[in-house]
Protein backbone atom coordinates (compact mmCIF):
# COMPACT_ATOMS: atom_id res chain seq x y z
CA MET A 1 4.48 -8.62 23.75
CA PRO A 2 2.24 -11.59 22.90
CA PHE A 3 1.86 -12.69 19.28
CA LYS A 4 -1.25 -11.30 17.64
CA ASN A 5 -2.82 -13.31 14.84
CA LYS A 6 -3.80 -10.30 12.73
CA ILE A 7 -5.14 -11.12 9.28
CA LYS A 8 -3.62 -8.99 6.53
CA GLU A 9 -5.90 -6.94 4.32
CA ALA A 10 -4.45 -8.63 1.23
CA GLN A 11 -5.63 -12.00 2.56
CA ILE A 12 -9.12 -10.63 3.15
CA GLN A 13 -9.18 -9.07 -0.34
CA LYS A 14 -8.19 -12.36 -1.93
CA ALA A 15 -10.89 -14.28 -0.06
CA ILE A 16 -13.56 -11.70 -1.00
CA MET A 17 -12.51 -11.80 -4.66
CA GLU A 18 -12.77 -15.61 -4.62
CA PHE A 19 -16.27 -15.37 -3.09
CA LEU A 20 -17.43 -12.81 -5.67
CA ARG A 21 -16.06 -14.85 -8.58
CA PHE A 22 -17.65 -18.02 -7.19
CA GLN A 23 -20.96 -16.12 -7.20
CA ARG A 24 -20.23 -15.13 -10.83
CA ILE A 25 -20.18 -11.46 -9.94
CA GLN A 26 -18.01 -9.38 -12.27
CA CYS A 27 -15.31 -7.81 -10.10
CA TRP A 28 -11.86 -6.24 -10.26
CA ARG A 29 -9.12 -5.73 -7.69
CA ILE A 30 -7.90 -2.13 -7.87
CA ASN A 31 -4.19 -1.74 -7.19
CA THR A 32 -3.60 1.74 -5.81
CA VAL A 33 -0.06 1.15 -4.53
CA GLY A 34 1.53 2.83 -7.51
CA ILE A 35 3.68 2.01 -10.50
CA PRO A 36 7.33 0.99 -10.01
CA ASP A 37 9.58 3.77 -11.30
CA GLY A 38 12.54 1.49 -12.04
CA ARG A 39 14.61 2.96 -9.22
CA GLY A 40 13.10 0.96 -6.37
CA ALA A 41 10.35 3.46 -5.60
CA PHE A 42 6.77 3.91 -6.76
CA ARG A 43 5.14 6.65 -8.81
CA PHE A 44 1.65 7.39 -7.53
CA ASN A 45 -1.35 8.41 -9.57
CA ASN A 46 -3.11 11.18 -7.64
CA GLU A 47 -6.41 10.39 -9.36
CA MET A 48 -6.41 6.97 -7.70
CA ARG A 49 -5.71 8.10 -4.14
CA GLY A 50 -8.49 6.83 -1.90
CA MET A 51 -10.00 4.55 -4.53
CA ALA A 52 -11.59 1.42 -3.03
CA ASP A 53 -9.86 -1.96 -3.24
CA ILE A 54 -12.56 -3.82 -5.16
CA CYS A 55 -14.89 -2.63 -7.90
CA LEU A 56 -17.82 -4.75 -9.04
CA ILE A 57 -20.89 -4.57 -11.20
CA PHE A 58 -23.92 -6.15 -9.56
CA ARG A 59 -27.15 -6.20 -11.55
CA GLY A 60 -26.08 -3.04 -13.35
CA LEU A 61 -25.08 -1.25 -10.15
CA SER A 62 -21.68 0.32 -9.55
CA VAL A 63 -20.37 -1.14 -6.28
CA TRP A 64 -17.11 -0.45 -4.46
CA MET A 65 -15.65 -2.29 -1.47
CA GLU A 66 -12.89 -0.93 0.73
CA VAL A 67 -11.22 -3.79 2.61
CA LYS A 68 -9.82 -3.23 6.08
CA ASN A 69 -8.62 -5.64 8.74
CA SER A 70 -10.11 -5.53 12.23
CA THR A 71 -8.16 -2.41 13.20
CA GLY A 72 -7.92 -0.63 9.83
CA ARG A 73 -9.43 2.82 9.32
CA GLN A 74 -10.34 4.79 6.22
CA SER A 75 -7.97 7.57 5.24
CA PRO A 76 -9.36 11.04 4.47
CA ASN A 77 -8.87 10.27 0.75
CA GLN A 78 -10.87 7.05 1.11
CA LYS A 79 -13.69 8.88 2.87
CA GLU A 80 -13.75 11.44 0.06
CA PHE A 81 -13.85 8.65 -2.54
CA GLN A 82 -16.80 7.09 -0.68
CA ARG A 83 -18.59 10.44 -0.71
CA GLN A 84 -18.04 10.80 -4.47
CA VAL A 85 -19.28 7.25 -5.20
CA GLU A 86 -22.43 7.70 -3.14
CA ALA A 87 -23.08 11.19 -4.58
CA ALA A 88 -22.96 9.66 -8.06
CA GLY A 89 -25.53 7.00 -7.10
CA GLY A 90 -23.06 4.17 -6.57
CA PHE A 91 -22.75 1.87 -3.58
CA TYR A 92 -19.78 1.76 -1.22
CA PHE A 93 -19.12 -0.76 1.51
CA LEU A 94 -16.38 -0.93 4.13
CA VAL A 95 -15.79 -4.66 4.62
CA ARG A 96 -13.55 -6.50 7.05
CA SER A 97 -14.32 -10.10 6.06
CA VAL A 98 -16.00 -12.35 3.51
CA GLU A 99 -19.01 -12.32 5.82
CA ASP A 100 -19.21 -8.52 5.49
CA ALA A 101 -19.10 -8.88 1.70
CA VAL A 102 -21.95 -11.42 1.87
CA VAL A 103 -24.00 -8.96 3.92
CA ALA A 104 -23.27 -6.21 1.36
CA ILE A 105 -24.42 -8.40 -1.55
CA ASN A 106 -27.55 -9.37 0.39
CA GLN A 107 -28.32 -5.67 0.95
CA LEU A 108 -27.97 -5.05 -2.78
CA GLU A 109 -30.29 -7.97 -3.53
CA ILE A 110 -32.91 -6.48 -1.22
CA GLN A 111 -32.54 -3.04 -2.83
CA THR A 112 -32.89 -4.46 -6.34
CA GLY A 113 -35.85 -6.60 -5.27
CA LYS A 114 -34.29 -9.78 -6.62
CA LYS A 115 -32.60 -12.74 -5.02
């Protein structure tokens, strides 16, 4: 099987966070992996299942970004989280690159009428 140069989601997340911080956009990386239980396993918080990878505040708007690599798909919990965010008036973007994050921010700028 030939080697595939597949970028890891963690690398994409890091690059997007660097872009957002460079733009002086307040953002946080949400760690939903779980909390180590001291026995080599993780204890999961059910309230966080499906939560997006990145949360940011952009011009007073609640914005969430779920990061996936080129082949990644949303889980049912992630789709439900997206539905809840959008139902509450927030913004949710599925992004696969820094370029996707730039497009998302540009869309928000258009919606707020400011650039």
